[in-house]
Amino acid sequence: MSSIKESVIKIQGLTKEYYNKVVVDNINLEIQDSCFAFLGPNGAGKTTIILMLLGLVKPSNGTATIFGTNILNSSGKIRRKIGFLPENVGFYPNLTGRKFLKLIFGLRKKNEIDQNQIESYLKWSGIDKNYWDKSIKSYSRGMRQRLGLAQAFAGNPQIVFLDEPLSNIDPLGREEFIQKIRMKKEEGITVIISSHIVLEIEQVADYIAFIDDGKIKASDKIYNLAQFCGFNEYEITRIDHNESITLNELNDRLSKEKGLFSDIPKPLSEKLIFRTNFPEKVNRLILEYKDFNFTPISGTLNKLYKRIIKGESNEKREKNRIFPVL
């Protein structure tokens, strides 16, 4: 898939074997400045790919570059640009949340540490202020996950890797962090998520790679994959209220684009549901309205997952269908 933008990450033939078992099989992929997600079942190879990109696991074959630097020759300069939340995040149990974030800031920034920045990320995490100066061993699992998310973004990294980021967080907290991750993406941070939970990915990712048995089964923008598989229902959802334009006004503006909608859009309280054969054009038009998010209609990604990963289809010809890969 061609683009004017230079890819932030380029992966070429990346392979990993453990005891003659291939767990990542000849991955070729380019990741641009966006929110990119690896989606697949447990054991598909998602975490191994991330660990190789981080230089924590050595590839058996192939290579990758981050900002043009080979991952096998990763320097401290590149590492300071990267944030990481592992699936099972660990902490120094006797440190307080404040001291732990101070440590992370110190690793990522050369200049003097700003205490206000530390407190801003503690507040961002949603951890009760009464716990900021208590030892992490007194934190609940949900509080530790919140602290883990905060440390991943602390110190202004340019790329953040999140492995199963919303595990151990309650439903309301998940909605909160989905919005916070969106905002970090708007600030220009490339976010790379690994998850097996479809709903999380559907609400936050721009691009997606379906992975199973160590292989990329398909990858592209989510709405392109939806269109490729014959799904043409989409929704525009209000995610913030910073702009004065209403959903109905946005609908009126988009409706002036001749032939954009295949039917009359259905406005709901906070979203607009419609059919279109031109999702790329809708996306371009929506980009200037930061309060709104454009995605395939809720549930589409689950249908794509079943079709691409599980091979479920009503048409026999789908069994041998070749899906697009970036």
Protein backbone atom coordinates (compact mmCIF):
# COMPACT_ATOMS: atom_id res chain seq x y z
CA MET A 1 0.00 0.00 0.00
CA SER A 2 1.68 3.21 -1.12
CA SER A 3 1.71 6.44 0.84
CA ILE A 4 3.51 9.76 0.81
CA LYS A 5 4.36 9.32 4.48
CA GLU A 6 7.58 7.55 5.39
CA SER A 7 6.98 4.40 7.40
CA VAL A 8 7.97 4.61 11.06
CA ILE A 9 8.62 0.85 11.21
CA LYS A 10 9.63 -1.43 8.34
CA ILE A 11 9.60 -5.20 8.87
CA GLN A 12 11.26 -7.53 6.36
CA GLY A 13 11.10 -11.31 6.60
CA LEU A 14 10.98 -11.27 10.40
CA THR A 15 11.02 -14.84 11.71
CA LYS A 16 11.39 -16.44 15.13
CA GLU A 17 11.83 -20.11 15.98
CA TYR A 18 11.89 -21.76 19.39
CA TYR A 19 13.18 -25.35 19.49
CA ASN A 20 12.44 -25.83 15.76
CA LYS A 21 8.91 -24.45 16.15
CA VAL A 22 8.18 -21.35 14.05
CA VAL A 23 6.22 -18.83 16.15
CA VAL A 24 6.64 -15.84 13.81
CA ASP A 25 6.81 -16.76 10.14
CA ASN A 26 8.38 -14.39 7.59
CA ILE A 27 6.52 -11.20 8.53
CA ASN A 28 6.66 -8.30 6.05
CA LEU A 29 4.95 -5.11 7.14
CA GLU A 30 5.22 -1.32 7.14
CA ILE A 31 3.75 0.75 9.97
CA GLN A 32 3.13 4.44 9.52
CA ASP A 33 2.38 7.20 12.01
CA SER A 34 -0.98 5.97 13.30
CA CYS A 35 -2.61 3.67 15.82
CA PHE A 36 -1.71 0.20 14.55
CA ALA A 37 -3.05 -3.02 16.05
CA PHE A 38 -2.03 -6.66 15.95
CA LEU A 39 -5.19 -8.71 16.45
CA GLY A 40 -5.27 -12.46 16.82
CA PRO A 41 -5.89 -15.34 19.20
CA ASN A 42 -3.65 -16.17 22.15
CA GLY A 43 -0.39 -17.71 20.96
CA ALA A 44 -0.64 -16.19 17.47
CA GLY A 45 2.80 -14.50 17.73
CA LYS A 46 1.71 -10.94 18.54
CA THR A 47 3.84 -10.48 21.66
CA THR A 48 6.89 -12.10 20.03
CA ILE A 49 6.73 -9.59 17.16
CA ILE A 50 6.65 -6.69 19.61
CA LEU A 51 9.53 -8.10 21.67
CA MET A 52 11.64 -8.47 18.51
CA LEU A 53 10.87 -4.88 17.49
CA LEU A 54 11.92 -3.72 20.94
CA GLY A 55 15.20 -5.63 20.70
CA LEU A 56 14.28 -7.84 23.66
CA VAL A 57 14.13 -11.01 21.55
CA LYS A 58 16.58 -11.72 18.73
CA PRO A 59 15.01 -12.73 15.40
CA SER A 60 15.95 -16.09 13.90
CA ASN A 61 15.83 -14.46 10.49
CA GLY A 62 14.86 -11.19 8.84
CA THR A 63 15.12 -7.69 10.21
CA ALA A 64 13.23 -4.48 10.94
CA THR A 65 13.98 -0.79 11.26
CA ILE A 66 12.53 1.87 13.57
CA PHE A 67 13.08 5.45 12.37
CA GLY A 68 15.52 3.94 9.87
CA THR A 69 17.66 2.27 12.57
CA ASN A 70 18.06 -1.51 12.44
CA ILE A 71 16.59 -3.17 15.53
CA LEU A 72 19.70 -5.35 15.81
CA ASN A 73 21.80 -2.20 16.24
CA SER A 74 19.30 -0.32 18.40
CA SER A 75 20.95 2.51 20.25
CA GLY A 76 20.01 4.17 23.53
CA LYS A 77 18.92 7.19 21.51
CA ILE A 78 16.23 5.12 19.78
CA ARG A 79 15.20 3.39 23.00
CA ARG A 80 14.53 6.75 24.64
CA LYS A 81 11.94 7.41 21.92
CA ILE A 82 9.98 4.24 22.76
CA GLY A 83 7.45 3.50 25.49
CA PHE A 84 6.36 -0.04 26.33
CA LEU A 85 3.64 -1.66 28.40
CA PRO A 86 4.20 -5.45 28.61
CA GLU A 87 1.30 -7.83 29.02
CA ASN A 88 2.34 -8.70 32.57
CA VAL A 89 3.80 -5.43 33.75
CA GLY A 90 6.18 -5.59 36.71
CA PHE A 91 7.25 -2.92 39.18
CA TYR A 92 9.72 -2.35 41.98
CA PRO A 93 7.20 -3.11 44.76
CA ASN A 94 8.73 -0.82 47.40
CA LEU A 95 8.79 2.25 45.14
CA THR A 96 5.88 4.66 45.24
CA GLY A 97 3.96 5.51 42.08
CA ARG A 98 5.60 8.94 42.08
CA LYS A 99 9.15 7.57 42.42
CA PHE A 100 8.53 4.95 39.75
CA LEU A 101 7.44 7.58 37.21
CA LYS A 102 10.43 9.71 38.21
CA LEU A 103 12.64 6.75 37.32
CA ILE A 104 10.94 6.37 33.91
CA PHE A 105 11.26 10.09 33.16
CA GLY A 106 14.96 9.88 34.07
CA LEU A 107 15.52 7.06 31.58
CA ARG A 108 13.77 8.86 28.72
CA LYS A 109 14.79 12.49 29.25
CA LYS A 110 18.27 13.95 29.60
CA ASN A 111 17.20 17.29 31.03
CA GLU A 112 16.08 17.97 34.59
CA ILE A 113 12.95 16.10 35.65
CA ASP A 114 9.87 18.29 36.04
CA GLN A 115 7.84 17.29 39.10
CA ASN A 116 4.76 18.83 37.52
CA GLN A 117 5.05 16.41 34.60
CA ILE A 118 5.25 13.47 36.99
CA GLU A 119 2.12 14.63 38.76
CA SER A 120 0.34 15.25 35.45
CA TYR A 121 0.85 11.60 34.47
CA LEU A 122 -0.20 10.35 37.88
CA LYS A 123 -3.38 12.36 37.41
CA TRP A 124 -3.68 11.06 33.82
CA SER A 125 -3.52 7.50 35.14
CA GLY A 126 -6.65 8.02 37.22
CA ILE A 127 -5.01 6.64 40.37
CA ASP A 128 -6.40 8.23 43.52
CA LYS A 129 -4.06 11.00 44.74
CA ASN A 130 -3.92 9.34 48.18
CA TYR A 131 -1.93 6.50 46.58
CA TRP A 132 0.66 8.55 44.68
CA ASP A 133 3.15 8.34 47.55
CA LYS A 134 2.29 4.83 48.71
CA SER A 135 4.34 1.77 47.74
CA ILE A 136 3.21 0.01 44.57
CA LYS A 137 2.86 -3.28 46.46
CA SER A 138 -0.25 -1.75 48.09
CA TYR A 139 -1.87 -1.11 44.68
CA SER A 140 -4.68 -3.23 43.25
CA ARG A 141 -4.16 -4.93 39.87
CA GLY A 142 -6.25 -2.25 38.19
CA MET A 143 -4.16 0.52 39.76
CA ARG A 144 -0.96 -1.19 38.61
CA GLN A 145 -2.31 -1.42 35.07
CA ARG A 146 -3.13 2.30 35.17
CA LEU A 147 0.40 3.08 36.37
CA GLY A 148 1.77 0.84 33.62
CA LEU A 149 -0.14 2.80 30.98
CA ALA A 150 1.08 6.09 32.45
CA GLN A 151 4.75 5.01 32.37
CA ALA A 152 4.41 3.87 28.75
CA PHE A 153 3.50 7.42 27.67
CA ALA A 154 5.63 9.32 30.20
CA GLY A 155 8.61 11.28 28.90
CA ASN A 156 7.14 12.04 25.46
CA PRO A 157 8.09 8.87 23.52
CA GLN A 158 7.46 8.90 19.77
CA ILE A 159 6.30 5.27 19.62
CA VAL A 160 4.40 3.41 22.34
CA PHE A 161 3.91 -0.37 22.31
CA LEU A 162 0.95 -1.62 24.36
CA ASP A 163 0.52 -5.37 24.92
CA GLU A 164 -3.02 -6.19 26.13
CA PRO A 165 -3.25 -2.66 27.59
CA LEU A 166 -6.73 -2.71 29.11
CA SER A 167 -6.59 -5.99 31.00
CA ASN A 168 -7.42 -5.67 34.72
CA ILE A 169 -9.21 -2.35 34.13
CA ASP A 170 -12.92 -2.02 34.85
CA PRO A 171 -15.40 -1.27 32.00
CA LEU A 172 -15.69 2.47 32.74
CA GLY A 173 -11.91 2.70 33.01
CA ARG A 174 -11.57 1.02 29.62
CA GLU A 175 -13.77 3.64 27.97
CA GLU A 176 -11.68 6.32 29.68
CA PHE A 177 -8.36 4.93 28.42
CA ILE A 178 -9.64 4.31 24.90
CA GLN A 179 -10.32 8.05 24.75
CA LYS A 180 -6.91 8.85 26.30
CA ILE A 181 -5.09 6.65 23.77
CA ARG A 182 -7.00 8.38 20.96
CA MET A 183 -5.83 11.74 22.30
CA LYS A 184 -2.20 10.57 22.45
CA LYS A 185 -2.52 9.49 18.83
CA GLU A 186 -3.82 12.99 17.96
CA GLU A 187 -0.73 14.43 19.66
CA GLY A 188 1.41 12.60 17.08
CA ILE A 189 2.46 9.51 19.02
CA THR A 190 2.51 6.27 17.04
CA VAL A 191 0.65 3.69 19.12
CA ILE A 192 1.07 -0.03 18.45
CA ILE A 193 -1.35 -2.32 20.27
CA SER A 194 -1.39 -6.09 20.62
CA SER A 195 -4.68 -7.59 21.75
CA HIS A 196 -7.07 -10.50 21.32
CA ILE A 197 -10.04 -8.36 22.40
CA VAL A 198 -11.86 -7.16 19.29
CA LEU A 199 -13.88 -4.39 20.96
CA GLU A 200 -10.75 -2.59 22.24
CA ILE A 201 -9.15 -2.56 18.79
CA GLU A 202 -12.34 -1.52 17.00
CA GLN A 203 -12.63 1.65 19.06
CA VAL A 204 -9.07 2.92 18.81
CA ALA A 205 -7.07 1.51 15.86
CA ASP A 206 -6.67 3.00 12.37
CA TYR A 207 -4.73 0.13 10.84
CA ILE A 208 -4.90 -3.53 11.75
CA ALA A 209 -2.95 -6.71 11.09
CA PHE A 210 -4.75 -9.99 11.64
CA ILE A 211 -2.23 -12.57 12.80
CA ASP A 212 -2.55 -16.30 13.39
CA ASP A 213 -0.04 -19.14 13.57
CA GLY A 214 2.75 -16.58 13.29
CA LYS A 215 1.54 -15.32 9.90
CA ILE A 216 -0.08 -12.06 8.84
CA LYS A 217 -3.41 -13.07 7.34
CA ALA A 218 -4.45 -9.55 6.30
CA SER A 219 -3.49 -5.95 7.07
CA ASP A 220 -4.78 -2.54 6.01
CA LYS A 221 -6.93 0.29 7.28
CA ILE A 222 -9.94 -1.23 9.03
CA TYR A 223 -12.46 0.40 6.70
CA ASN A 224 -10.53 -0.83 3.63
CA LEU A 225 -10.67 -4.40 4.93
CA ALA A 226 -14.38 -3.96 5.64
CA GLN A 227 -14.98 -2.74 2.09
CA PHE A 228 -12.87 -5.55 0.63
CA CYS A 229 -15.00 -8.12 2.46
CA GLY A 230 -18.25 -6.53 1.31
CA PHE A 231 -19.23 -4.65 4.48
CA ASN A 232 -20.40 -1.14 3.66
CA GLU A 233 -22.05 0.07 6.89
CA TYR A 234 -20.15 2.75 8.80
CA GLU A 235 -20.67 5.16 11.67
CA ILE A 236 -19.43 8.58 12.68
CA THR A 237 -19.32 8.91 16.47
CA ARG A 238 -18.92 12.06 18.54
CA ILE A 239 -16.00 11.45 20.92
CA ASP A 240 -15.61 14.98 22.29
CA HIS A 241 -17.40 18.33 22.49
CA ASN A 242 -14.63 20.85 21.83
CA GLU A 243 -16.07 22.05 18.51
CA SER A 244 -19.37 23.87 18.08
CA ILE A 245 -20.53 21.82 15.08
CA THR A 246 -23.37 19.43 15.87
CA LEU A 247 -23.81 15.93 14.51
CA ASN A 248 -26.77 17.10 12.40
CA GLU A 249 -24.71 19.95 10.95
CA LEU A 250 -21.93 17.52 10.08
CA ASN A 251 -24.50 15.27 8.43
CA ASP A 252 -25.75 18.21 6.34
CA ARG A 253 -22.20 19.06 5.20
CA LEU A 254 -21.39 15.49 4.23
CA SER A 255 -24.73 15.03 2.47
CA LYS A 256 -23.76 17.83 0.07
CA GLU A 257 -21.05 15.52 -1.32
CA LYS A 258 -22.81 13.97 -4.31
CA GLY A 259 -23.03 10.18 -4.20
CA LEU A 260 -21.12 9.90 -0.92
CA PHE A 261 -23.88 8.01 0.89
CA SER A 262 -25.59 4.92 -0.52
CA ASP A 263 -28.70 5.59 1.58
CA ILE A 264 -30.08 8.27 3.89
CA PRO A 265 -27.89 8.47 7.06
CA LYS A 266 -29.58 7.55 10.33
CA PRO A 267 -28.72 10.08 13.07
CA LEU A 268 -28.72 8.85 16.67
CA SER A 269 -27.92 10.81 19.84
CA GLU A 270 -24.11 10.65 19.48
CA LYS A 271 -23.55 8.89 16.16
CA LEU A 272 -24.48 8.82 12.49
CA ILE A 273 -25.01 5.44 10.77
CA PHE A 274 -24.86 5.12 6.99
CA ARG A 275 -23.78 3.06 3.99
CA THR A 276 -21.06 4.19 1.59
CA ASN A 277 -18.86 2.78 -1.14
CA PHE A 278 -16.30 5.55 -0.57
CA PRO A 279 -14.92 5.10 2.99
CA GLU A 280 -11.57 6.67 2.06
CA LYS A 281 -13.30 9.88 0.98
CA VAL A 282 -15.43 9.97 4.16
CA ASN A 283 -12.29 9.54 6.24
CA ARG A 284 -10.57 12.47 4.49
CA LEU A 285 -13.59 14.69 5.09
CA ILE A 286 -13.83 13.71 8.77
CA LEU A 287 -10.14 14.35 9.52
CA GLU A 288 -10.73 18.08 9.98
CA TYR A 289 -13.35 17.44 12.66
CA LYS A 290 -11.41 16.25 15.72
CA ASP A 291 -14.55 15.70 17.80
CA PHE A 292 -15.71 12.86 15.56
CA ASN A 293 -14.41 9.36 14.85
CA PHE A 294 -15.12 7.40 11.64
CA THR A 295 -15.22 3.59 11.76
CA PRO A 296 -17.08 0.63 10.28
CA ILE A 297 -20.31 0.07 12.21
CA SER A 298 -19.84 -1.56 15.62
CA GLY A 299 -19.48 -5.32 15.25
CA THR A 300 -17.83 -5.22 11.81
CA LEU A 301 -14.37 -5.99 13.16
CA ASN A 302 -15.73 -9.09 14.90
CA LYS A 303 -17.17 -10.24 11.55
CA LEU A 304 -13.82 -9.59 9.88
CA TYR A 305 -12.06 -11.54 12.64
CA LYS A 306 -14.33 -14.54 12.13
CA ARG A 307 -13.89 -14.42 8.37
CA ILE A 308 -10.14 -13.84 8.24
CA ILE A 309 -8.95 -15.80 11.30
CA LYS A 310 -11.61 -18.47 11.67
CA GLY A 311 -12.45 -18.74 7.98
CA GLU A 312 -16.19 -18.36 8.56
CA SER A 313 -18.04 -17.39 5.38
CA ASN A 314 -21.24 -18.15 3.57
CA GLU A 315 -19.36 -18.40 0.31
CA LYS A 316 -17.10 -21.35 -0.41
CA ARG A 317 -14.86 -19.20 -2.61
CA GLU A 318 -13.87 -17.21 0.50
CA LYS A 319 -11.80 -20.15 1.69
CA ASN A 320 -9.10 -19.39 -0.89
CA ARG A 321 -9.55 -15.63 -0.98
CA ILE A 322 -6.36 -13.59 -0.72
CA PHE A 323 -6.78 -10.70 1.69
CA PRO A 324 -4.78 -7.45 1.34
CA VAL A 325 -1.51 -7.05 3.25
CA LEU A 326 0.22 -3.70 3.64
